[in-house]
Amino acid sequence: MYQDRILLTTKDILEKEFKIDTRGYRPQEVDKFLDVIIRDYEEFFSIIKELENDKKEVIEDNIKLKQEIRNLKTKLEVVSETSGGEINSADVLRRLSNLEKIIYGVEEK
């Protein structure tokens, strides 16, 4: 996903050759610095992959919770229809409160 927006890969950094002239940088220092950059890139890619997996899980959980809400609303409608309208406001509020606890993970104390 993000790979197409990043210009350098760890391989590009590792294989980069610098021209050396008489007043150039010390190759060992450049190599050490590039090693640090490579390690950071690898860590960034690892973090991005973890976050994408977490995002996928959250989306899947969200879909499941939305389905559960629809199912509970349908059950509520069926119960209210079969009870001949004997459901009162307090019952509806209690059920909605329980539903919110399920969805938002709020626990009673």
PDB file of N, CA and C in Angstrom:
ATOM      1  N   MET A   1       0.823  -1.195   0.000  1.00  0.00           N
ATOM      2  CA  MET A   1       0.000   0.000   0.000  1.00  0.00           C
ATOM      3  C   MET A   1       0.867   1.259   0.000  1.00  0.00           C
ATOM      4  N   TYR A   2       1.779   1.358   0.966  1.00  0.00           N
ATOM      5  CA  TYR A   2       2.640   2.533   1.042  1.00  0.00           C
ATOM      6  C   TYR A   2       3.919   2.352   0.236  1.00  0.00           C
ATOM      7  N   GLN A   3       4.196   1.127  -0.153  1.00  0.00           N
ATOM      8  CA  GLN A   3       5.433   0.813  -0.858  1.00  0.00           C
ATOM      9  C   GLN A   3       5.580   1.629  -2.144  1.00  0.00           C
ATOM     10  N   ASP A   4       4.484   1.908  -2.820  1.00  0.00           N
ATOM     11  CA  ASP A   4       4.567   2.637  -4.078  1.00  0.00           C
ATOM     12  C   ASP A   4       4.846   4.127  -3.869  1.00  0.00           C
ATOM     13  N   ARG A   5       4.735   4.618  -2.640  1.00  0.00           N
ATOM     14  CA  ARG A   5       4.989   6.023  -2.357  1.00  0.00           C
ATOM     15  C   ARG A   5       6.392   6.273  -1.814  1.00  0.00           C
ATOM     16  N   ILE A   6       7.107   5.217  -1.490  1.00  0.00           N
ATOM     17  CA  ILE A   6       8.460   5.343  -0.940  1.00  0.00           C
ATOM     18  C   ILE A   6       9.466   5.130  -2.062  1.00  0.00           C
ATOM     19  N   LEU A   7      10.396   6.054  -2.184  1.00  0.00           N
ATOM     20  CA  LEU A   7      11.338   6.028  -3.304  1.00  0.00           C
ATOM     21  C   LEU A   7      12.455   5.005  -3.125  1.00  0.00           C
ATOM     22  N   LEU A   8      12.973   4.866  -1.927  1.00  0.00           N
ATOM     23  CA  LEU A   8      14.122   3.993  -1.712  1.00  0.00           C
ATOM     24  C   LEU A   8      13.717   2.726  -0.977  1.00  0.00           C
ATOM     25  N   THR A   9      14.327   1.632  -1.386  1.00  0.00           N
ATOM     26  CA  THR A   9      14.184   0.379  -0.650  1.00  0.00           C
ATOM     27  C   THR A   9      15.479   0.138   0.111  1.00  0.00           C
ATOM     28  N   THR A  10      15.459  -0.829   0.991  1.00  0.00           N
ATOM     29  CA  THR A  10      16.692  -1.148   1.715  1.00  0.00           C
ATOM     30  C   THR A  10      17.778  -1.601   0.750  1.00  0.00           C
ATOM     31  N   LYS A  11      17.374  -2.286  -0.297  1.00  0.00           N
ATOM     32  CA  LYS A  11      18.350  -2.753  -1.301  1.00  0.00           C
ATOM     33  C   LYS A  11      18.970  -1.560  -2.039  1.00  0.00           C
ATOM     34  N   ASP A  12      18.144  -0.561  -2.391  1.00  0.00           N
ATOM     35  CA  ASP A  12      18.662   0.643  -3.059  1.00  0.00           C
ATOM     36  C   ASP A  12      19.714   1.326  -2.196  1.00  0.00           C
ATOM     37  N   ILE A  13      19.429   1.423  -0.908  1.00  0.00           N
ATOM     38  CA  ILE A  13      20.361   2.088   0.004  1.00  0.00           C
ATOM     39  C   ILE A  13      21.643   1.272   0.131  1.00  0.00           C
ATOM     40  N   LEU A  14      21.480  -0.024   0.287  1.00  0.00           N
ATOM     41  CA  LEU A  14      22.632  -0.900   0.469  1.00  0.00           C
ATOM     42  C   LEU A  14      23.561  -0.885  -0.750  1.00  0.00           C
ATOM     43  N   GLU A  15      22.997  -0.843  -1.927  1.00  0.00           N
ATOM     44  CA  GLU A  15      23.787  -0.933  -3.154  1.00  0.00           C
ATOM     45  C   GLU A  15      24.220   0.428  -3.707  1.00  0.00           C
ATOM     46  N   LYS A  16      23.903   1.507  -3.037  1.00  0.00           N
ATOM     47  CA  LYS A  16      24.268   2.845  -3.504  1.00  0.00           C
ATOM     48  C   LYS A  16      25.784   3.012  -3.481  1.00  0.00           C
ATOM     49  N   GLU A  17      26.324   3.428  -4.598  1.00  0.00           N
ATOM     50  CA  GLU A  17      27.757   3.690  -4.719  1.00  0.00           C
ATOM     51  C   GLU A  17      27.968   5.197  -4.798  1.00  0.00           C
ATOM     52  N   PHE A  18      28.887   5.708  -4.013  1.00  0.00           N
ATOM     53  CA  PHE A  18      29.216   7.119  -4.023  1.00  0.00           C
ATOM     54  C   PHE A  18      30.542   7.325  -4.737  1.00  0.00           C
ATOM     55  N   LYS A  19      30.601   8.403  -5.485  1.00  0.00           N
ATOM     56  CA  LYS A  19      31.868   8.745  -6.128  1.00  0.00           C
ATOM     57  C   LYS A  19      32.811   9.309  -5.075  1.00  0.00           C
ATOM     58  N   ILE A  20      34.055   8.912  -5.155  1.00  0.00           N
ATOM     59  CA  ILE A  20      35.045   9.373  -4.185  1.00  0.00           C
ATOM     60  C   ILE A  20      36.010  10.308  -4.903  1.00  0.00           C
ATOM     61  N   ASP A  21      36.150  11.488  -4.340  1.00  0.00           N
ATOM     62  CA  ASP A  21      37.191  12.366  -4.864  1.00  0.00           C
ATOM     63  C   ASP A  21      38.144  12.684  -3.708  1.00  0.00           C
ATOM     64  N   THR A  22      39.084  13.540  -3.953  1.00  0.00           N
ATOM     65  CA  THR A  22      40.150  13.765  -2.979  1.00  0.00           C
ATOM     66  C   THR A  22      39.649  14.303  -1.632  1.00  0.00           C
ATOM     67  N   ARG A  23      38.572  15.028  -1.635  1.00  0.00           N
ATOM     68  CA  ARG A  23      38.048  15.563  -0.377  1.00  0.00           C
ATOM     69  C   ARG A  23      36.742  14.868   0.020  1.00  0.00           C
ATOM     70  N   GLY A  24      36.557  13.681  -0.400  1.00  0.00           N
ATOM     71  CA  GLY A  24      35.298  12.970  -0.177  1.00  0.00           C
ATOM     72  C   GLY A  24      35.103  12.507   1.262  1.00  0.00           C
ATOM     73  N   TYR A  25      33.962  11.940   1.487  1.00  0.00           N
ATOM     74  CA  TYR A  25      33.636  11.399   2.805  1.00  0.00           C
ATOM     75  C   TYR A  25      34.358  10.084   3.021  1.00  0.00           C
ATOM     76  N   ARG A  26      34.485   9.714   4.279  1.00  0.00           N
ATOM     77  CA  ARG A  26      35.090   8.423   4.597  1.00  0.00           C
ATOM     78  C   ARG A  26      34.069   7.329   4.302  1.00  0.00           C
ATOM     79  N   PRO A  27      34.427   6.365   3.471  1.00  0.00           N
ATOM     80  CA  PRO A  27      33.481   5.307   3.096  1.00  0.00           C
ATOM     81  C   PRO A  27      32.930   4.535   4.301  1.00  0.00           C
ATOM     82  N   GLN A  28      33.760   4.335   5.326  1.00  0.00           N
ATOM     83  CA  GLN A  28      33.292   3.598   6.495  1.00  0.00           C
ATOM     84  C   GLN A  28      32.175   4.358   7.216  1.00  0.00           C
ATOM     85  N   GLU A  29      32.306   5.669   7.319  1.00  0.00           N
ATOM     86  CA  GLU A  29      31.270   6.470   7.974  1.00  0.00           C
ATOM     87  C   GLU A  29      29.977   6.453   7.168  1.00  0.00           C
ATOM     88  N   VAL A  30      30.109   6.562   5.852  1.00  0.00           N
ATOM     89  CA  VAL A  30      28.933   6.517   4.985  1.00  0.00           C
ATOM     90  C   VAL A  30      28.250   5.158   5.124  1.00  0.00           C
ATOM     91  N   ASP A  31      29.026   4.080   5.125  1.00  0.00           N
ATOM     92  CA  ASP A  31      28.461   2.733   5.256  1.00  0.00           C
ATOM     93  C   ASP A  31      27.740   2.558   6.596  1.00  0.00           C
ATOM     94  N   LYS A  32      28.346   3.060   7.680  1.00  0.00           N
ATOM     95  CA  LYS A  32      27.699   2.951   8.988  1.00  0.00           C
ATOM     96  C   LYS A  32      26.367   3.705   9.000  1.00  0.00           C
ATOM     97  N   PHE A  33      26.392   4.891   8.442  1.00  0.00           N
ATOM     98  CA  PHE A  33      25.170   5.697   8.415  1.00  0.00           C
ATOM     99  C   PHE A  33      24.104   5.020   7.556  1.00  0.00           C
ATOM    100  N   LEU A  34      24.490   4.489   6.422  1.00  0.00           N
ATOM    101  CA  LEU A  34      23.531   3.799   5.555  1.00  0.00           C
ATOM    102  C   LEU A  34      22.984   2.545   6.236  1.00  0.00           C
ATOM    103  N   ASP A  35      23.808   1.881   7.033  1.00  0.00           N
ATOM    104  CA  ASP A  35      23.323   0.719   7.783  1.00  0.00           C
ATOM    105  C   ASP A  35      22.211   1.126   8.762  1.00  0.00           C
ATOM    106  N   VAL A  36      22.390   2.272   9.400  1.00  0.00           N
ATOM    107  CA  VAL A  36      21.358   2.770  10.316  1.00  0.00           C
ATOM    108  C   VAL A  36      20.083   3.093   9.543  1.00  0.00           C
ATOM    109  N   ILE A  37      20.239   3.712   8.390  1.00  0.00           N
ATOM    110  CA  ILE A  37      19.073   4.045   7.562  1.00  0.00           C
ATOM    111  C   ILE A  37      18.355   2.769   7.115  1.00  0.00           C
ATOM    112  N   ILE A  38      19.096   1.774   6.714  1.00  0.00           N
ATOM    113  CA  ILE A  38      18.509   0.500   6.289  1.00  0.00           C
ATOM    114  C   ILE A  38      17.722  -0.121   7.443  1.00  0.00           C
ATOM    115  N   ARG A  39      18.298  -0.123   8.642  1.00  0.00           N
ATOM    116  CA  ARG A  39      17.607  -0.689   9.792  1.00  0.00           C
ATOM    117  C   ARG A  39      16.305   0.057  10.067  1.00  0.00           C
ATOM    118  N   ASP A  40      16.349   1.385   9.956  1.00  0.00           N
ATOM    119  CA  ASP A  40      15.135   2.182  10.155  1.00  0.00           C
ATOM    120  C   ASP A  40      14.082   1.854   9.103  1.00  0.00           C
ATOM    121  N   TYR A  41      14.497   1.737   7.872  1.00  0.00           N
ATOM    122  CA  TYR A  41      13.554   1.394   6.798  1.00  0.00           C
ATOM    123  C   TYR A  41      12.889   0.052   7.075  1.00  0.00           C
ATOM    124  N   GLU A  42      13.684  -0.920   7.470  1.00  0.00           N
ATOM    125  CA  GLU A  42      13.124  -2.236   7.772  1.00  0.00           C
ATOM    126  C   GLU A  42      12.129  -2.147   8.921  1.00  0.00           C
ATOM    127  N   GLU A  43      12.459  -1.352   9.924  1.00  0.00           N
ATOM    128  CA  GLU A  43      11.548  -1.161  11.060  1.00  0.00           C
ATOM    129  C   GLU A  43      10.274  -0.444  10.624  1.00  0.00           C
ATOM    130  N   PHE A  44      10.411   0.567   9.771  1.00  0.00           N
ATOM    131  CA  PHE A  44       9.231   1.282   9.254  1.00  0.00           C
ATOM    132  C   PHE A  44       8.309   0.320   8.507  1.00  0.00           C
ATOM    133  N   PHE A  45       8.878  -0.504   7.658  1.00  0.00           N
ATOM    134  CA  PHE A  45       8.066  -1.466   6.908  1.00  0.00           C
ATOM    135  C   PHE A  45       7.377  -2.447   7.852  1.00  0.00           C
ATOM    136  N   SER A  46       8.081  -2.861   8.886  1.00  0.00           N
ATOM    137  CA  SER A  46       7.502  -3.771   9.868  1.00  0.00           C
ATOM    138  C   SER A  46       6.340  -3.108  10.608  1.00  0.00           C
ATOM    139  N   ILE A  47       6.530  -1.870  11.017  1.00  0.00           N
ATOM    140  CA  ILE A  47       5.483  -1.127  11.721  1.00  0.00           C
ATOM    141  C   ILE A  47       4.273  -0.923  10.821  1.00  0.00           C
ATOM    142  N   ILE A  48       4.516  -0.554   9.586  1.00  0.00           N
ATOM    143  CA  ILE A  48       3.419  -0.343   8.635  1.00  0.00           C
ATOM    144  C   ILE A  48       2.628  -1.627   8.444  1.00  0.00           C
ATOM    145  N   LYS A  49       3.327  -2.742   8.310  1.00  0.00           N
ATOM    146  CA  LYS A  49       2.638  -4.027   8.133  1.00  0.00           C
ATOM    147  C   LYS A  49       1.787  -4.356   9.356  1.00  0.00           C
ATOM    148  N   GLU A  50       2.337  -4.148  10.557  1.00  0.00           N
ATOM    149  CA  GLU A  50       1.581  -4.394  11.786  1.00  0.00           C
ATOM    150  C   GLU A  50       0.331  -3.512  11.839  1.00  0.00           C
ATOM    151  N   LEU A  51       0.490  -2.243  11.512  1.00  0.00           N
ATOM    152  CA  LEU A  51      -0.636  -1.314  11.564  1.00  0.00           C
ATOM    153  C   LEU A  51      -1.707  -1.673  10.533  1.00  0.00           C
ATOM    154  N   GLU A  52      -1.286  -2.109   9.360  1.00  0.00           N
ATOM    155  CA  GLU A  52      -2.253  -2.536   8.346  1.00  0.00           C
ATOM    156  C   GLU A  52      -3.023  -3.772   8.814  1.00  0.00           C
ATOM    157  N   ASN A  53      -2.331  -4.708   9.484  1.00  0.00           N
ATOM    158  CA  ASN A  53      -3.011  -5.878  10.035  1.00  0.00           C
ATOM    159  C   ASN A  53      -3.992  -5.476  11.138  1.00  0.00           C
ATOM    160  N   ASP A  54      -3.555  -4.560  12.013  1.00  0.00           N
ATOM    161  CA  ASP A  54      -4.444  -4.070  13.073  1.00  0.00           C
ATOM    162  C   ASP A  54      -5.674  -3.389  12.479  1.00  0.00           C
ATOM    163  N   LYS A  55      -5.445  -2.593  11.454  1.00  0.00           N
ATOM    164  CA  LYS A  55      -6.555  -1.889  10.797  1.00  0.00           C
ATOM    165  C   LYS A  55      -7.543  -2.889  10.203  1.00  0.00           C
ATOM    166  N   LYS A  56      -7.013  -3.923   9.577  1.00  0.00           N
ATOM    167  CA  LYS A  56      -7.866  -4.953   8.985  1.00  0.00           C
ATOM    168  C   LYS A  56      -8.718  -5.626  10.058  1.00  0.00           C
ATOM    169  N   GLU A  57      -8.104  -5.950  11.201  1.00  0.00           N
ATOM    170  CA  GLU A  57      -8.838  -6.579  12.304  1.00  0.00           C
ATOM    171  C   GLU A  57      -9.924  -5.652  12.842  1.00  0.00           C
ATOM    172  N   VAL A  58      -9.614  -4.377  12.984  1.00  0.00           N
ATOM    173  CA  VAL A  58     -10.594  -3.413  13.489  1.00  0.00           C
ATOM    174  C   VAL A  58     -11.765  -3.285  12.519  1.00  0.00           C
ATOM    175  N   ILE A  59     -11.485  -3.264  11.239  1.00  0.00           N
ATOM    176  CA  ILE A  59     -12.550  -3.183  10.234  1.00  0.00           C
ATOM    177  C   ILE A  59     -13.434  -4.421  10.305  1.00  0.00           C
ATOM    178  N   GLU A  60     -12.808  -5.592  10.433  1.00  0.00           N
ATOM    179  CA  GLU A  60     -13.586  -6.833  10.539  1.00  0.00           C
ATOM    180  C   GLU A  60     -14.446  -6.833  11.804  1.00  0.00           C
ATOM    181  N   ASP A  61     -13.878  -6.385  12.932  1.00  0.00           N
ATOM    182  CA  ASP A  61     -14.649  -6.296  14.175  1.00  0.00           C
ATOM    183  C   ASP A  61     -15.807  -5.318  14.030  1.00  0.00           C
ATOM    184  N   ASN A  62     -15.561  -4.212  13.374  1.00  0.00           N
ATOM    185  CA  ASN A  62     -16.603  -3.207  13.146  1.00  0.00           C
ATOM    186  C   ASN A  62     -17.749  -3.786  12.330  1.00  0.00           C
ATOM    187  N   ILE A  63     -17.423  -4.536  11.306  1.00  0.00           N
ATOM    188  CA  ILE A  63     -18.448  -5.167  10.468  1.00  0.00           C
ATOM    189  C   ILE A  63     -19.274  -6.145  11.299  1.00  0.00           C
ATOM    190  N   LYS A  64     -18.602  -6.953  12.128  1.00  0.00           N
ATOM    191  CA  LYS A  64     -19.311  -7.911  12.975  1.00  0.00           C
ATOM    192  C   LYS A  64     -20.245  -7.190  13.947  1.00  0.00           C
ATOM    193  N   LEU A  65     -19.758  -6.106  14.548  1.00  0.00           N
ATOM    194  CA  LEU A  65     -20.583  -5.364  15.498  1.00  0.00           C
ATOM    195  C   LEU A  65     -21.785  -4.717  14.808  1.00  0.00           C
ATOM    196  N   LYS A  66     -21.591  -4.214  13.610  1.00  0.00           N
ATOM    197  CA  LYS A  66     -22.719  -3.639  12.868  1.00  0.00           C
ATOM    198  C   LYS A  66     -23.763  -4.712  12.544  1.00  0.00           C
ATOM    199  N   GLN A  67     -23.286  -5.909  12.196  1.00  0.00           N
ATOM    200  CA  GLN A  67     -24.212  -7.013  11.940  1.00  0.00           C
ATOM    201  C   GLN A  67     -24.969  -7.372  13.218  1.00  0.00           C
ATOM    202  N   GLU A  68     -24.266  -7.378  14.334  1.00  0.00           N
ATOM    203  CA  GLU A  68     -24.903  -7.690  15.609  1.00  0.00           C
ATOM    204  C   GLU A  68     -25.948  -6.633  15.965  1.00  0.00           C
ATOM    205  N   ILE A  69     -25.653  -5.386  15.682  1.00  0.00           N
ATOM    206  CA  ILE A  69     -26.632  -4.315  15.923  1.00  0.00           C
ATOM    207  C   ILE A  69     -27.878  -4.555  15.086  1.00  0.00           C
ATOM    208  N   ARG A  70     -27.691  -4.862  13.805  1.00  0.00           N
ATOM    209  CA  ARG A  70     -28.841  -5.124  12.938  1.00  0.00           C
ATOM    210  C   ARG A  70     -29.661  -6.302  13.457  1.00  0.00           C
ATOM    211  N   ASN A  71     -28.970  -7.370  13.863  1.00  0.00           N
ATOM    212  CA  ASN A  71     -29.666  -8.542  14.394  1.00  0.00           C
ATOM    213  C   ASN A  71     -30.447  -8.196  15.656  1.00  0.00           C
ATOM    214  N   LEU A  72     -29.832  -7.430  16.552  1.00  0.00           N
ATOM    215  CA  LEU A  72     -30.509  -7.060  17.792  1.00  0.00           C
ATOM    216  C   LEU A  72     -31.698  -6.135  17.533  1.00  0.00           C
ATOM    217  N   LYS A  73     -31.543  -5.237  16.588  1.00  0.00           N
ATOM    218  CA  LYS A  73     -32.674  -4.364  16.237  1.00  0.00           C
ATOM    219  C   LYS A  73     -33.827  -5.189  15.665  1.00  0.00           C
ATOM    220  N   THR A  74     -33.480  -6.158  14.826  1.00  0.00           N
ATOM    221  CA  THR A  74     -34.513  -7.031  14.259  1.00  0.00           C
ATOM    222  C   THR A  74     -35.200  -7.818  15.364  1.00  0.00           C
ATOM    223  N   LYS A  75     -34.429  -8.362  16.278  1.00  0.00           N
ATOM    224  CA  LYS A  75     -35.008  -9.100  17.404  1.00  0.00           C
ATOM    225  C   LYS A  75     -35.905  -8.191  18.243  1.00  0.00           C
ATOM    226  N   LEU A  76     -35.469  -6.972  18.464  1.00  0.00           N
ATOM    227  CA  LEU A  76     -36.258  -6.007  19.232  1.00  0.00           C
ATOM    228  C   LEU A  76     -37.584  -5.735  18.532  1.00  0.00           C
ATOM    229  N   GLU A  77     -37.535  -5.567  17.219  1.00  0.00           N
ATOM    230  CA  GLU A  77     -38.766  -5.339  16.456  1.00  0.00           C
ATOM    231  C   GLU A  77     -39.693  -6.541  16.545  1.00  0.00           C
ATOM    232  N   VAL A  78     -39.125  -7.747  16.430  1.00  0.00           N
ATOM    233  CA  VAL A  78     -39.931  -8.966  16.508  1.00  0.00           C
ATOM    234  C   VAL A  78     -40.567  -9.086  17.885  1.00  0.00           C
ATOM    235  N   VAL A  79     -39.789  -8.818  18.929  1.00  0.00           N
ATOM    236  CA  VAL A  79     -40.315  -8.913  20.293  1.00  0.00           C
ATOM    237  C   VAL A  79     -41.417  -7.887  20.512  1.00  0.00           C
ATOM    238  N   SER A  80     -41.202  -6.683  20.033  1.00  0.00           N
ATOM    239  CA  SER A  80     -42.218  -5.645  20.234  1.00  0.00           C
ATOM    240  C   SER A  80     -43.485  -5.955  19.450  1.00  0.00           C
ATOM    241  N   GLU A  81     -43.360  -6.564  18.277  1.00  0.00           N
ATOM    242  CA  GLU A  81     -44.532  -6.932  17.481  1.00  0.00           C
ATOM    243  C   GLU A  81     -45.269  -8.114  18.095  1.00  0.00           C
ATOM    244  N   THR A  82     -44.536  -9.098  18.588  1.00  0.00           N
ATOM    245  CA  THR A  82     -45.179 -10.294  19.143  1.00  0.00           C
ATOM    246  C   THR A  82     -45.763 -10.054  20.519  1.00  0.00           C
ATOM    247  N   SER A  83     -45.267  -9.076  21.238  1.00  0.00           N
ATOM    248  CA  SER A  83     -45.804  -8.813  22.565  1.00  0.00           C
ATOM    249  C   SER A  83     -47.017  -7.911  22.500  1.00  0.00           C
ATOM    250  N   GLY A  84     -47.444  -7.571  21.323  1.00  0.00           N
ATOM    251  CA  GLY A  84     -48.631  -6.735  21.159  1.00  0.00           C
ATOM    252  C   GLY A  84     -48.415  -5.311  21.621  1.00  0.00           C
ATOM    253  N   GLY A  85     -47.191  -4.843  21.540  1.00  0.00           N
ATOM    254  CA  GLY A  85     -46.909  -3.458  21.913  1.00  0.00           C
ATOM    255  C   GLY A  85     -46.781  -3.278  23.408  1.00  0.00           C
ATOM    256  N   GLU A  86     -46.624  -4.362  24.160  1.00  0.00           N
ATOM    257  CA  GLU A  86     -46.530  -4.265  25.613  1.00  0.00           C
ATOM    258  C   GLU A  86     -45.139  -3.838  26.085  1.00  0.00           C
ATOM    259  N   ILE A  87     -44.224  -3.655  25.153  1.00  0.00           N
ATOM    260  CA  ILE A  87     -42.882  -3.194  25.517  1.00  0.00           C
ATOM    261  C   ILE A  87     -42.988  -1.712  25.867  1.00  0.00           C
ATOM    262  N   ASN A  88     -42.376  -1.321  26.950  1.00  0.00           N
ATOM    263  CA  ASN A  88     -42.439   0.087  27.331  1.00  0.00           C
ATOM    264  C   ASN A  88     -41.097   0.767  27.087  1.00  0.00           C
ATOM    265  N   SER A  89     -41.051   2.046  27.330  1.00  0.00           N
ATOM    266  CA  SER A  89     -39.843   2.828  27.071  1.00  0.00           C
ATOM    267  C   SER A  89     -38.667   2.354  27.904  1.00  0.00           C
ATOM    268  N   ALA A  90     -38.927   1.962  29.135  1.00  0.00           N
ATOM    269  CA  ALA A  90     -37.838   1.515  30.017  1.00  0.00           C
ATOM    270  C   ALA A  90     -37.170   0.262  29.450  1.00  0.00           C
ATOM    271  N   ASP A  91     -37.966  -0.654  28.894  1.00  0.00           N
ATOM    272  CA  ASP A  91     -37.401  -1.863  28.291  1.00  0.00           C
ATOM    273  C   ASP A  91     -36.507  -1.521  27.101  1.00  0.00           C
ATOM    274  N   VAL A  92     -36.990  -0.621  26.283  1.00  0.00           N
ATOM    275  CA  VAL A  92     -36.222  -0.210  25.109  1.00  0.00           C
ATOM    276  C   VAL A  92     -34.920   0.451  25.536  1.00  0.00           C
ATOM    277  N   LEU A  93     -34.982   1.350  26.525  1.00  0.00           N
ATOM    278  CA  LEU A  93     -33.775   2.031  27.000  1.00  0.00           C
ATOM    279  C   LEU A  93     -32.782   1.043  27.621  1.00  0.00           C
ATOM    280  N   ARG A  94     -33.301   0.063  28.384  1.00  0.00           N
ATOM    281  CA  ARG A  94     -32.437  -0.942  28.987  1.00  0.00           C
ATOM    282  C   ARG A  94     -31.737  -1.760  27.907  1.00  0.00           C
ATOM    283  N   ARG A  95     -32.460  -2.144  26.892  1.00  0.00           N
ATOM    284  CA  ARG A  95     -31.877  -2.939  25.805  1.00  0.00           C
ATOM    285  C   ARG A  95     -30.859  -2.132  25.013  1.00  0.00           C
ATOM    286  N   LEU A  96     -31.174  -0.861  24.762  1.00  0.00           N
ATOM    287  CA  LEU A  96     -30.210  -0.002  24.064  1.00  0.00           C
ATOM    288  C   LEU A  96     -28.946   0.191  24.900  1.00  0.00           C
ATOM    289  N   SER A  97     -29.119   0.336  26.192  1.00  0.00           N
ATOM    290  CA  SER A  97     -27.962   0.480  27.075  1.00  0.00           C
ATOM    291  C   SER A  97     -27.087  -0.764  27.020  1.00  0.00           C
ATOM    292  N   ASN A  98     -27.717  -1.938  27.054  1.00  0.00           N
ATOM    293  CA  ASN A  98     -26.958  -3.188  26.951  1.00  0.00           C
ATOM    294  C   ASN A  98     -26.246  -3.287  25.617  1.00  0.00           C
ATOM    295  N   LEU A  99     -26.907  -2.857  24.561  1.00  0.00           N
ATOM    296  CA  LEU A  99     -26.308  -2.881  23.231  1.00  0.00           C
ATOM    297  C   LEU A  99     -25.090  -1.964  23.165  1.00  0.00           C
ATOM    298  N   GLU A 100     -25.198  -0.772  23.745  1.00  0.00           N
ATOM    299  CA  GLU A 100     -24.055   0.153  23.761  1.00  0.00           C
ATOM    300  C   GLU A 100     -22.881  -0.445  24.519  1.00  0.00           C
ATOM    301  N   LYS A 101     -23.179  -1.137  25.622  1.00  0.00           N
ATOM    302  CA  LYS A 101     -22.112  -1.771  26.390  1.00  0.00           C
ATOM    303  C   LYS A 101     -21.394  -2.810  25.546  1.00  0.00           C
ATOM    304  N   ILE A 102     -22.155  -3.559  24.756  1.00  0.00           N
ATOM    305  CA  ILE A 102     -21.559  -4.576  23.896  1.00  0.00           C
ATOM    306  C   ILE A 102     -20.696  -3.919  22.828  1.00  0.00           C
ATOM    307  N   ILE A 103     -21.220  -2.875  22.209  1.00  0.00           N
ATOM    308  CA  ILE A 103     -20.533  -2.222  21.087  1.00  0.00           C
ATOM    309  C   ILE A 103     -19.292  -1.459  21.545  1.00  0.00           C
ATOM    310  N   TYR A 104     -19.449  -0.661  22.575  1.00  0.00           N
ATOM    311  CA  TYR A 104     -18.370   0.209  22.980  1.00  0.00           C
ATOM    312  C   TYR A 104     -17.491  -0.384  24.076  1.00  0.00           C
ATOM    313  N   GLY A 105     -17.836  -1.568  24.543  1.00  0.00           N
ATOM    314  CA  GLY A 105     -17.019  -2.228  25.560  1.00  0.00           C
ATOM    315  C   GLY A 105     -17.088  -1.559  26.901  1.00  0.00           C
ATOM    316  N   VAL A 106     -18.165  -0.841  27.192  1.00  0.00           N
ATOM    317  CA  VAL A 106     -18.328  -0.167  28.478  1.00  0.00           C
ATOM    318  C   VAL A 106     -18.841  -1.188  29.484  1.00  0.00           C
ATOM    319  N   GLU A 107     -18.161  -1.284  30.605  1.00  0.00           N
ATOM    320  CA  GLU A 107     -18.562  -2.229  31.628  1.00  0.00           C
ATOM    321  C   GLU A 107     -19.177  -1.469  32.799  1.00  0.00           C
ATOM    322  N   GLU A 108     -20.157  -2.091  33.413  1.00  0.00           N
ATOM    323  CA  GLU A 108     -20.756  -1.488  34.605  1.00  0.00           C
ATOM    324  C   GLU A 108     -19.814  -1.656  35.769  1.00  0.00           C
ATOM    325  N   LYS A 109     -19.859  -0.698  36.687  1.00  0.00           N
ATOM    326  CA  LYS A 109     -18.999  -0.776  37.883  1.00  0.00           C
ATOM    327  C   LYS A 109     -19.868  -0.875  39.109  1.00  0.00           C
TER     328      LYS A 109
END
